[in-house]
Amino acid sequence: MKLKNVNAIITGGSQGLGKVIADHFLREGANVVICSRGEKELLATRDELAKKFPAQKVFAKICDVSNEVQVGELFVFALRELGSLQALVLNAGIYGPMGATESVSLDEWRRAMDINLYGVLLPCRAVIPHFKKSSRGKIVVLSGGGATNPLPNISAYAASKAAVIRLMETLAEELKSFHVDVNAIAPGALATRLVDEVLAAGVEKVGAAFFEKNKTWKEKGAVPLELGASVAVYLASAKSDGITGKLISAQWDPWEKLHEFKGDLGGDIYTLRRIVPKDREKTWGDK
């Protein structure tokens, strides 16, 4: 089992990708605490997973990851029930308001930033002292497509996810000497509730191109949730020890064997960086 003796917290673990990640972690021998804001769905998922994996520990705790008090209570709960923590998976997130940036609700825009960015920062702040004391730990962030591409009419999501990646890279540098690995996953286009939200918003708010993409994903299928979950297992396992500060594409990167190329990953491979003219064989940018 790849995650034997691993205790993990998985945020946004009651549905979609978070639920599948919890399933994969349990299958590989981990014990988990899942959290989300919705009690009914959260407890139903807990009961379903506990029945499916009777040999593992499955706990659930209601938590708004943008609320510092609730996040603190989540970690007290997890440590009380599990005794220790070795992994934190940050999956909770929302799209936020859809429409032209200058016309969407500013309160909703800020709320998306709270959940998507502070919902990563606060759990990290809570778990880092424990990981430092243990001299090991794994933090896995789900980045979303907004981290690497502009998303017209969904600016709160795009801005928050890009910020999350720079936070991930910064934490990776801060925690490297403590043997704490911090990485992010781009799971690809997923047919989750976010697709339904885009379709409900309509062409006028999200634009024809993005609407049609989501319609295709809904009707013809998208990237399997199991793929992103498998990457999360890999990044939480001992096999990936020493790989840190990277944004890994579940679809396009050879993540299953990254440990074989660990010596080549110290630079800007799998990171977000500025492209200058010479990177595209242009000389006019020289000074």
C-alpha atoms as a PDB file:
ATOM      1  CA  MET A   1       0.000   0.000   0.000  1.00  0.00           C
ATOM      2  CA  LYS A   2       1.428   3.361  -1.075  1.00  0.00           C
ATOM      3  CA  LEU A   3       0.021   5.359   1.854  1.00  0.00           C
ATOM      4  CA  LYS A   4       0.266   2.938   4.743  1.00  0.00           C
ATOM      5  CA  ASN A   5       0.624   4.823   8.052  1.00  0.00           C
ATOM      6  CA  VAL A   6      -0.332   8.120   6.400  1.00  0.00           C
ATOM      7  CA  ASN A   7      -2.957  10.271   8.116  1.00  0.00           C
ATOM      8  CA  ALA A   8      -4.412  12.975   5.905  1.00  0.00           C
ATOM      9  CA  ILE A   9      -6.817  15.890   5.872  1.00  0.00           C
ATOM     10  CA  ILE A  10      -8.675  16.410   2.596  1.00  0.00           C
ATOM     11  CA  THR A  11     -10.574  19.684   2.209  1.00  0.00           C
ATOM     12  CA  GLY A  12     -13.590  19.780  -0.069  1.00  0.00           C
ATOM     13  CA  GLY A  13     -13.768  16.040   0.459  1.00  0.00           C
ATOM     14  CA  SER A  14     -17.509  15.463   0.323  1.00  0.00           C
ATOM     15  CA  GLN A  15     -17.993  15.437  -3.450  1.00  0.00           C
ATOM     16  CA  GLY A  16     -16.328  15.504  -6.846  1.00  0.00           C
ATOM     17  CA  LEU A  17     -12.567  15.222  -7.001  1.00  0.00           C
ATOM     18  CA  GLY A  18     -12.128  15.545  -3.230  1.00  0.00           C
ATOM     19  CA  LYS A  19     -14.309  12.517  -2.631  1.00  0.00           C
ATOM     20  CA  VAL A  20     -12.407  10.480  -5.211  1.00  0.00           C
ATOM     21  CA  ILE A  21      -9.093  11.525  -3.657  1.00  0.00           C
ATOM     22  CA  ALA A  22     -10.340  10.362  -0.251  1.00  0.00           C
ATOM     23  CA  ASP A  23     -11.375   7.050  -1.816  1.00  0.00           C
ATOM     24  CA  HIS A  24      -7.932   6.570  -3.373  1.00  0.00           C
ATOM     25  CA  PHE A  25      -6.132   7.490  -0.153  1.00  0.00           C
ATOM     26  CA  LEU A  26      -8.148   4.962   1.836  1.00  0.00           C
ATOM     27  CA  ARG A  27      -7.596   2.313  -0.803  1.00  0.00           C
ATOM     28  CA  GLU A  28      -3.851   2.846  -0.441  1.00  0.00           C
ATOM     29  CA  GLY A  29      -3.952   2.446   3.341  1.00  0.00           C
ATOM     30  CA  ALA A  30      -4.319   6.025   4.591  1.00  0.00           C
ATOM     31  CA  ASN A  31      -6.643   7.273   7.304  1.00  0.00           C
ATOM     32  CA  VAL A  32      -8.498  10.468   6.454  1.00  0.00           C
ATOM     33  CA  VAL A  33     -10.417  13.413   7.813  1.00  0.00           C
ATOM     34  CA  ILE A  34     -12.601  14.990   5.152  1.00  0.00           C
ATOM     35  CA  CYS A  35     -14.173  18.397   5.506  1.00  0.00           C
ATOM     36  CA  SER A  36     -16.605  20.654   3.676  1.00  0.00           C
ATOM     37  CA  ARG A  37     -19.250  23.256   4.469  1.00  0.00           C
ATOM     38  CA  GLY A  38     -22.311  21.087   3.750  1.00  0.00           C
ATOM     39  CA  GLU A  39     -23.164  18.767   6.630  1.00  0.00           C
ATOM     40  CA  LYS A  40     -25.601  16.378   4.932  1.00  0.00           C
ATOM     41  CA  GLU A  41     -23.392  15.524   1.978  1.00  0.00           C
ATOM     42  CA  LEU A  42     -20.266  15.404   4.139  1.00  0.00           C
ATOM     43  CA  LEU A  43     -21.697  12.892   6.591  1.00  0.00           C
ATOM     44  CA  ALA A  44     -23.157  10.791   3.777  1.00  0.00           C
ATOM     45  CA  THR A  45     -19.716  10.621   2.137  1.00  0.00           C
ATOM     46  CA  ARG A  46     -18.082   9.738   5.446  1.00  0.00           C
ATOM     47  CA  ASP A  47     -20.515   6.876   6.007  1.00  0.00           C
ATOM     48  CA  GLU A  48     -20.116   5.633   2.435  1.00  0.00           C
ATOM     49  CA  LEU A  49     -16.309   5.597   2.623  1.00  0.00           C
ATOM     50  CA  ALA A  50     -16.259   4.056   6.109  1.00  0.00           C
ATOM     51  CA  LYS A  51     -18.459   1.210   4.891  1.00  0.00           C
ATOM     52  CA  LYS A  52     -16.308   0.697   1.798  1.00  0.00           C
ATOM     53  CA  PHE A  53     -13.010   0.721   3.753  1.00  0.00           C
ATOM     54  CA  PRO A  54     -13.763  -0.775   7.185  1.00  0.00           C
ATOM     55  CA  ALA A  55     -10.085  -1.306   7.994  1.00  0.00           C
ATOM     56  CA  GLN A  56      -9.302   2.406   7.708  1.00  0.00           C
ATOM     57  CA  LYS A  57     -10.281   5.406   9.821  1.00  0.00           C
ATOM     58  CA  VAL A  58     -12.636   7.906   8.193  1.00  0.00           C
ATOM     59  CA  PHE A  59     -13.687  11.059  10.005  1.00  0.00           C
ATOM     60  CA  ALA A  60     -15.599  14.141   8.899  1.00  0.00           C
ATOM     61  CA  LYS A  61     -15.705  17.701  10.184  1.00  0.00           C
ATOM     62  CA  ILE A  62     -17.734  20.656   8.948  1.00  0.00           C
ATOM     63  CA  CYS A  63     -15.327  23.441   8.087  1.00  0.00           C
ATOM     64  CA  ASP A  64     -15.281  26.641   6.080  1.00  0.00           C
ATOM     65  CA  VAL A  65     -11.625  26.720   5.016  1.00  0.00           C
ATOM     66  CA  SER A  66     -11.689  30.520   4.803  1.00  0.00           C
ATOM     67  CA  ASN A  67     -12.568  30.760   8.514  1.00  0.00           C
ATOM     68  CA  GLU A  68      -9.487  30.742  10.727  1.00  0.00           C
ATOM     69  CA  VAL A  69     -11.346  29.568  13.829  1.00  0.00           C
ATOM     70  CA  GLN A  70     -13.002  26.661  12.012  1.00  0.00           C
ATOM     71  CA  VAL A  71      -9.707  25.648  10.389  1.00  0.00           C
ATOM     72  CA  GLY A  72      -8.047  25.598  13.810  1.00  0.00           C
ATOM     73  CA  GLU A  73     -10.847  23.429  15.146  1.00  0.00           C
ATOM     74  CA  LEU A  74     -10.452  21.091  12.163  1.00  0.00           C
ATOM     75  CA  PHE A  75      -6.802  20.460  12.976  1.00  0.00           C
ATOM     76  CA  VAL A  76      -7.433  19.956  16.675  1.00  0.00           C
ATOM     77  CA  PHE A  77     -10.108  17.419  15.702  1.00  0.00           C
ATOM     78  CA  ALA A  78      -7.848  15.637  13.205  1.00  0.00           C
ATOM     79  CA  LEU A  79      -4.944  15.341  15.612  1.00  0.00           C
ATOM     80  CA  ARG A  80      -7.237  14.118  18.375  1.00  0.00           C
ATOM     81  CA  GLU A  81      -8.784  11.416  16.179  1.00  0.00           C
ATOM     82  CA  LEU A  82      -5.721  10.374  14.176  1.00  0.00           C
ATOM     83  CA  GLY A  83      -2.890  11.167  16.569  1.00  0.00           C
ATOM     84  CA  SER A  84      -0.640  12.650  13.890  1.00  0.00           C
ATOM     85  CA  LEU A  85      -0.762  14.053  10.360  1.00  0.00           C
ATOM     86  CA  GLN A  86       1.458  13.332   7.390  1.00  0.00           C
ATOM     87  CA  ALA A  87      -0.496  14.841   4.484  1.00  0.00           C
ATOM     88  CA  LEU A  88      -2.765  17.776   3.690  1.00  0.00           C
ATOM     89  CA  VAL A  89      -4.744  17.859   0.433  1.00  0.00           C
ATOM     90  CA  LEU A  90      -6.295  21.228  -0.416  1.00  0.00           C
ATOM     91  CA  ASN A  91      -9.153  20.636  -2.800  1.00  0.00           C
ATOM     92  CA  ALA A  92     -11.842  23.062  -1.599  1.00  0.00           C
ATOM     93  CA  GLY A  93     -12.626  25.804  -4.093  1.00  0.00           C
ATOM     94  CA  ILE A  94     -15.290  27.698  -6.022  1.00  0.00           C
ATOM     95  CA  TYR A  95     -15.527  29.497  -9.349  1.00  0.00           C
ATOM     96  CA  GLY A  96     -16.920  32.658  -7.862  1.00  0.00           C
ATOM     97  CA  PRO A  97     -18.878  35.245  -9.858  1.00  0.00           C
ATOM     98  CA  MET A  98     -19.148  34.879 -13.619  1.00  0.00           C
ATOM     99  CA  GLY A  99     -19.346  37.799 -15.981  1.00  0.00           C
ATOM    100  CA  ALA A 100     -17.357  40.871 -17.012  1.00  0.00           C
ATOM    101  CA  THR A 101     -14.944  41.754 -14.216  1.00  0.00           C
ATOM    102  CA  GLU A 102     -16.133  45.337 -13.931  1.00  0.00           C
ATOM    103  CA  SER A 103     -19.753  44.307 -13.425  1.00  0.00           C
ATOM    104  CA  VAL A 104     -19.689  41.243 -11.149  1.00  0.00           C
ATOM    105  CA  SER A 105     -20.375  41.506  -7.423  1.00  0.00           C
ATOM    106  CA  LEU A 106     -17.265  42.648  -5.596  1.00  0.00           C
ATOM    107  CA  ASP A 107     -18.415  40.818  -2.473  1.00  0.00           C
ATOM    108  CA  GLU A 108     -18.658  37.575  -4.432  1.00  0.00           C
ATOM    109  CA  TRP A 109     -15.240  38.242  -5.992  1.00  0.00           C
ATOM    110  CA  ARG A 110     -13.714  38.674  -2.541  1.00  0.00           C
ATOM    111  CA  ARG A 111     -15.502  35.552  -1.313  1.00  0.00           C
ATOM    112  CA  ALA A 112     -13.906  33.487  -4.090  1.00  0.00           C
ATOM    113  CA  MET A 113     -10.506  34.817  -3.064  1.00  0.00           C
ATOM    114  CA  ASP A 114     -11.244  33.953   0.569  1.00  0.00           C
ATOM    115  CA  ILE A 115     -12.119  30.344  -0.233  1.00  0.00           C
ATOM    116  CA  ASN A 116      -9.599  29.651  -2.995  1.00  0.00           C
ATOM    117  CA  LEU A 117      -6.562  31.472  -1.598  1.00  0.00           C
ATOM    118  CA  TYR A 118      -7.111  31.877   2.134  1.00  0.00           C
ATOM    119  CA  GLY A 119      -8.641  28.396   2.068  1.00  0.00           C
ATOM    120  CA  VAL A 120      -5.157  27.172   1.164  1.00  0.00           C
ATOM    121  CA  LEU A 121      -3.184  29.557   3.352  1.00  0.00           C
ATOM    122  CA  LEU A 122      -5.074  28.912   6.600  1.00  0.00           C
ATOM    123  CA  PRO A 123      -4.856  25.090   6.572  1.00  0.00           C
ATOM    124  CA  CYS A 124      -1.168  25.349   5.639  1.00  0.00           C
ATOM    125  CA  ARG A 125      -0.517  27.701   8.552  1.00  0.00           C
ATOM    126  CA  ALA A 126      -2.300  25.266  10.856  1.00  0.00           C
ATOM    127  CA  VAL A 127      -0.424  22.151   9.775  1.00  0.00           C
ATOM    128  CA  ILE A 128       3.076  23.517   9.148  1.00  0.00           C
ATOM    129  CA  PRO A 129       4.170  23.603  12.838  1.00  0.00           C
ATOM    130  CA  HIS A 130       3.169  19.945  13.155  1.00  0.00           C
ATOM    131  CA  PHE A 131       5.036  19.002   9.977  1.00  0.00           C
ATOM    132  CA  LYS A 132       8.117  20.940  11.058  1.00  0.00           C
ATOM    133  CA  LYS A 133       8.156  19.157  14.394  1.00  0.00           C
ATOM    134  CA  SER A 134       7.851  15.811  12.604  1.00  0.00           C
ATOM    135  CA  SER A 135      10.534  16.798  10.049  1.00  0.00           C
ATOM    136  CA  ARG A 136       8.328  15.534   7.238  1.00  0.00           C
ATOM    137  CA  GLY A 137       4.999  16.195   5.568  1.00  0.00           C
ATOM    138  CA  LYS A 138       3.184  16.473   2.260  1.00  0.00           C
ATOM    139  CA  ILE A 139       1.017  19.371   1.114  1.00  0.00           C
ATOM    140  CA  VAL A 140      -0.895  18.882  -2.132  1.00  0.00           C
ATOM    141  CA  VAL A 141      -2.851  21.742  -3.705  1.00  0.00           C
ATOM    142  CA  LEU A 142      -5.424  21.436  -6.498  1.00  0.00           C
ATOM    143  CA  SER A 143      -4.704  24.329  -8.815  1.00  0.00           C
ATOM    144  CA  GLY A 144      -7.419  24.376 -11.468  1.00  0.00           C
ATOM    145  CA  GLY A 145      -7.025  25.676 -15.006  1.00  0.00           C
ATOM    146  CA  GLY A 146      -7.116  29.279 -13.887  1.00  0.00           C
ATOM    147  CA  ALA A 147      -3.556  28.992 -12.610  1.00  0.00           C
ATOM    148  CA  THR A 148      -1.967  28.721 -16.040  1.00  0.00           C
ATOM    149  CA  ASN A 149      -4.363  30.450 -18.433  1.00  0.00           C
ATOM    150  CA  PRO A 150      -6.478  33.613 -18.465  1.00  0.00           C
ATOM    151  CA  LEU A 151     -10.152  32.886 -17.868  1.00  0.00           C
ATOM    152  CA  PRO A 152     -12.200  35.779 -19.251  1.00  0.00           C
ATOM    153  CA  ASN A 153     -15.372  36.385 -17.244  1.00  0.00           C
ATOM    154  CA  ILE A 154     -14.194  34.173 -14.359  1.00  0.00           C
ATOM    155  CA  SER A 155     -11.476  36.502 -13.104  1.00  0.00           C
ATOM    156  CA  ALA A 156     -11.801  35.780  -9.369  1.00  0.00           C
ATOM    157  CA  TYR A 157     -11.135  32.089  -9.954  1.00  0.00           C
ATOM    158  CA  ALA A 158      -8.220  32.745 -12.302  1.00  0.00           C
ATOM    159  CA  ALA A 159      -6.577  35.323 -10.049  1.00  0.00           C
ATOM    160  CA  SER A 160      -6.956  33.245  -6.895  1.00  0.00           C
ATOM    161  CA  LYS A 161      -5.634  30.066  -8.473  1.00  0.00           C
ATOM    162  CA  ALA A 162      -2.585  31.825  -9.933  1.00  0.00           C
ATOM    163  CA  ALA A 163      -1.918  33.258  -6.465  1.00  0.00           C
ATOM    164  CA  VAL A 164      -2.218  29.787  -4.950  1.00  0.00           C
ATOM    165  CA  ILE A 165       0.565  28.500  -7.196  1.00  0.00           C
ATOM    166  CA  ARG A 166       2.968  31.243  -6.162  1.00  0.00           C
ATOM    167  CA  LEU A 167       2.046  30.563  -2.519  1.00  0.00           C
ATOM    168  CA  MET A 168       2.750  26.868  -3.100  1.00  0.00           C
ATOM    169  CA  GLU A 169       6.163  27.620  -4.624  1.00  0.00           C
ATOM    170  CA  THR A 170       7.033  29.979  -1.765  1.00  0.00           C
ATOM    171  CA  LEU A 171       6.028  27.495   0.927  1.00  0.00           C
ATOM    172  CA  ALA A 172       8.059  24.814  -0.848  1.00  0.00           C
ATOM    173  CA  GLU A 173      11.187  26.952  -0.460  1.00  0.00           C
ATOM    174  CA  GLU A 174      10.404  27.821   3.167  1.00  0.00           C
ATOM    175  CA  LEU A 175       9.830  24.183   4.119  1.00  0.00           C
ATOM    176  CA  LYS A 176      12.481  22.404   2.070  1.00  0.00           C
ATOM    177  CA  SER A 177      14.940  22.108   4.962  1.00  0.00           C
ATOM    178  CA  PHE A 178      12.199  20.530   7.091  1.00  0.00           C
ATOM    179  CA  HIS A 179      11.594  17.766   4.483  1.00  0.00           C
ATOM    180  CA  VAL A 180       8.079  19.011   3.814  1.00  0.00           C
ATOM    181  CA  ASP A 181       7.106  18.704   0.136  1.00  0.00           C
ATOM    182  CA  VAL A 182       4.595  21.188  -1.289  1.00  0.00           C
ATOM    183  CA  ASN A 183       3.205  20.631  -4.782  1.00  0.00           C
ATOM    184  CA  ALA A 184       0.158  21.405  -6.903  1.00  0.00           C
ATOM    185  CA  ILE A 185      -1.894  19.373  -9.359  1.00  0.00           C
ATOM    186  CA  ALA A 186      -3.614  20.577 -12.498  1.00  0.00           C
ATOM    187  CA  PRO A 187      -6.201  17.783 -12.779  1.00  0.00           C
ATOM    188  CA  GLY A 188      -7.498  18.799 -16.212  1.00  0.00           C
ATOM    189  CA  ALA A 189     -11.045  19.548 -17.273  1.00  0.00           C
ATOM    190  CA  LEU A 190     -13.399  17.782 -14.857  1.00  0.00           C
ATOM    191  CA  ALA A 191     -17.119  17.158 -15.250  1.00  0.00           C
ATOM    192  CA  THR A 192     -17.977  18.290 -11.727  1.00  0.00           C
ATOM    193  CA  ARG A 193     -20.477  20.780 -10.249  1.00  0.00           C
ATOM    194  CA  LEU A 194     -18.317  23.610 -11.632  1.00  0.00           C
ATOM    195  CA  VAL A 195     -19.317  22.594 -15.153  1.00  0.00           C
ATOM    196  CA  ASP A 196     -22.958  22.752 -14.127  1.00  0.00           C
ATOM    197  CA  GLU A 197     -22.392  26.235 -12.717  1.00  0.00           C
ATOM    198  CA  VAL A 198     -20.918  27.445 -16.015  1.00  0.00           C
ATOM    199  CA  LEU A 199     -23.807  26.002 -18.015  1.00  0.00           C
ATOM    200  CA  ALA A 200     -26.311  27.572 -15.619  1.00  0.00           C
ATOM    201  CA  ALA A 201     -24.589  30.955 -15.936  1.00  0.00           C
ATOM    202  CA  GLY A 202     -25.031  30.895 -19.704  1.00  0.00           C
ATOM    203  CA  VAL A 203     -23.219  32.202 -22.765  1.00  0.00           C
ATOM    204  CA  GLU A 204     -23.810  35.849 -21.903  1.00  0.00           C
ATOM    205  CA  LYS A 205     -21.804  35.634 -18.687  1.00  0.00           C
ATOM    206  CA  VAL A 206     -18.998  33.180 -19.507  1.00  0.00           C
ATOM    207  CA  GLY A 207     -18.589  33.685 -23.248  1.00  0.00           C
ATOM    208  CA  ALA A 208     -19.415  31.347 -26.122  1.00  0.00           C
ATOM    209  CA  ALA A 209     -16.061  29.547 -26.266  1.00  0.00           C
ATOM    210  CA  PHE A 210     -15.919  28.623 -22.580  1.00  0.00           C
ATOM    211  CA  PHE A 211     -19.603  27.713 -22.541  1.00  0.00           C
ATOM    212  CA  GLU A 212     -19.138  25.317 -25.468  1.00  0.00           C
ATOM    213  CA  LYS A 213     -16.114  23.703 -23.829  1.00  0.00           C
ATOM    214  CA  ASN A 214     -18.100  23.014 -20.688  1.00  0.00           C
ATOM    215  CA  LYS A 215     -21.062  21.751 -22.696  1.00  0.00           C
ATOM    216  CA  THR A 216     -18.766  19.277 -24.442  1.00  0.00           C
ATOM    217  CA  TRP A 217     -17.309  18.112 -21.142  1.00  0.00           C
ATOM    218  CA  LYS A 218     -20.803  17.608 -19.757  1.00  0.00           C
ATOM    219  CA  GLU A 219     -22.118  15.712 -22.784  1.00  0.00           C
ATOM    220  CA  LYS A 220     -19.071  13.746 -23.948  1.00  0.00           C
ATOM    221  CA  GLY A 221     -17.039  13.401 -20.809  1.00  0.00           C
ATOM    222  CA  ALA A 222     -13.922  15.062 -19.472  1.00  0.00           C
ATOM    223  CA  VAL A 223     -10.724  14.000 -17.719  1.00  0.00           C
ATOM    224  CA  PRO A 224     -11.473  11.146 -15.286  1.00  0.00           C
ATOM    225  CA  LEU A 225     -11.454  12.226 -11.649  1.00  0.00           C
ATOM    226  CA  GLU A 226      -9.390   9.149 -10.881  1.00  0.00           C
ATOM    227  CA  LEU A 227      -6.409  10.590 -12.756  1.00  0.00           C
ATOM    228  CA  GLY A 228      -6.031  13.620 -10.487  1.00  0.00           C
ATOM    229  CA  ALA A 229      -6.626  11.408  -7.456  1.00  0.00           C
ATOM    230  CA  SER A 230      -3.807   9.101  -8.549  1.00  0.00           C
ATOM    231  CA  VAL A 231      -1.425  12.057  -8.786  1.00  0.00           C
ATOM    232  CA  ALA A 232      -2.455  13.119  -5.272  1.00  0.00           C
ATOM    233  CA  VAL A 233      -1.616   9.631  -3.995  1.00  0.00           C
ATOM    234  CA  TYR A 234       1.789   9.802  -5.683  1.00  0.00           C
ATOM    235  CA  LEU A 235       2.587  13.243  -4.250  1.00  0.00           C
ATOM    236  CA  ALA A 236       1.527  12.145  -0.758  1.00  0.00           C
ATOM    237  CA  SER A 237       3.614   8.970  -0.900  1.00  0.00           C
ATOM    238  CA  ALA A 238       7.240   8.397   0.065  1.00  0.00           C
ATOM    239  CA  LYS A 239       8.030   7.723  -3.586  1.00  0.00           C
ATOM    240  CA  SER A 240       7.850  11.456  -4.329  1.00  0.00           C
ATOM    241  CA  ASP A 241      10.038  12.527  -1.390  1.00  0.00           C
ATOM    242  CA  GLY A 242      12.161  15.517  -2.339  1.00  0.00           C
ATOM    243  CA  ILE A 243       9.953  16.610  -5.238  1.00  0.00           C
ATOM    244  CA  THR A 244       8.661  20.016  -4.207  1.00  0.00           C
ATOM    245  CA  GLY A 245       7.507  23.361  -5.580  1.00  0.00           C
ATOM    246  CA  LYS A 246       6.053  21.857  -8.751  1.00  0.00           C
ATOM    247  CA  LEU A 247       2.789  22.223 -10.650  1.00  0.00           C
ATOM    248  CA  ILE A 248       2.049  18.809 -12.128  1.00  0.00           C
ATOM    249  CA  SER A 249      -0.399  18.203 -14.961  1.00  0.00           C
ATOM    250  CA  ALA A 250      -2.312  14.992 -14.373  1.00  0.00           C
ATOM    251  CA  GLN A 251      -2.984  14.683 -18.092  1.00  0.00           C
ATOM    252  CA  TRP A 252       0.254  15.661 -19.728  1.00  0.00           C
ATOM    253  CA  ASP A 253       3.195  15.126 -17.368  1.00  0.00           C
ATOM    254  CA  PRO A 254       4.957  11.767 -16.684  1.00  0.00           C
ATOM    255  CA  TRP A 255       4.162  12.074 -13.001  1.00  0.00           C
ATOM    256  CA  GLU A 256       4.321   8.322 -12.309  1.00  0.00           C
ATOM    257  CA  LYS A 257       8.112   8.378 -12.745  1.00  0.00           C
ATOM    258  CA  LEU A 258       9.130  11.892 -11.684  1.00  0.00           C
ATOM    259  CA  HIS A 259      11.246  10.411  -8.887  1.00  0.00           C
ATOM    260  CA  GLU A 260      13.504   8.986 -11.590  1.00  0.00           C
ATOM    261  CA  PHE A 261      14.340  12.531 -12.708  1.00  0.00           C
ATOM    262  CA  LYS A 262      14.521  14.207  -9.316  1.00  0.00           C
ATOM    263  CA  GLY A 263      17.955  15.599 -10.079  1.00  0.00           C
ATOM    264  CA  ASP A 264      16.575  17.534 -13.045  1.00  0.00           C
ATOM    265  CA  LEU A 265      13.692  19.148 -11.175  1.00  0.00           C
ATOM    266  CA  GLY A 266      15.620  21.737  -9.185  1.00  0.00           C
ATOM    267  CA  GLY A 267      15.114  24.578 -11.688  1.00  0.00           C
ATOM    268  CA  ASP A 268      12.038  26.085 -13.281  1.00  0.00           C
ATOM    269  CA  ILE A 269      10.622  22.894 -14.799  1.00  0.00           C
ATOM    270  CA  TYR A 270       6.922  22.564 -13.887  1.00  0.00           C
ATOM    271  CA  THR A 271       6.732  26.093 -12.502  1.00  0.00           C
ATOM    272  CA  LEU A 272       5.051  29.349 -13.582  1.00  0.00           C
ATOM    273  CA  ARG A 273       7.657  31.749 -14.968  1.00  0.00           C
ATOM    274  CA  ARG A 274       7.952  34.836 -17.162  1.00  0.00           C
ATOM    275  CA  ILE A 275       8.789  34.177 -20.814  1.00  0.00           C
ATOM    276  CA  VAL A 276      11.290  36.583 -22.377  1.00  0.00           C
ATOM    277  CA  PRO A 277      11.926  37.102 -26.131  1.00  0.00           C
ATOM    278  CA  LYS A 278      15.021  34.874 -26.265  1.00  0.00           C
ATOM    279  CA  ASP A 279      12.944  31.966 -24.978  1.00  0.00           C
ATOM    280  CA  ARG A 280      11.134  32.209 -28.316  1.00  0.00           C
ATOM    281  CA  GLU A 281      14.316  32.761 -30.334  1.00  0.00           C
ATOM    282  CA  LYS A 282      13.772  36.526 -30.580  1.00  0.00           C
ATOM    283  CA  THR A 283      16.695  38.939 -30.212  1.00  0.00           C
ATOM    284  CA  TRP A 284      14.849  42.233 -29.951  1.00  0.00           C
ATOM    285  CA  GLY A 285      14.501  41.885 -26.207  1.00  0.00           C
ATOM    286  CA  ASP A 286      18.261  42.037 -25.586  1.00  0.00           C
ATOM    287  CA  LYS A 287      19.553  45.133 -23.837  1.00  0.00           C
END
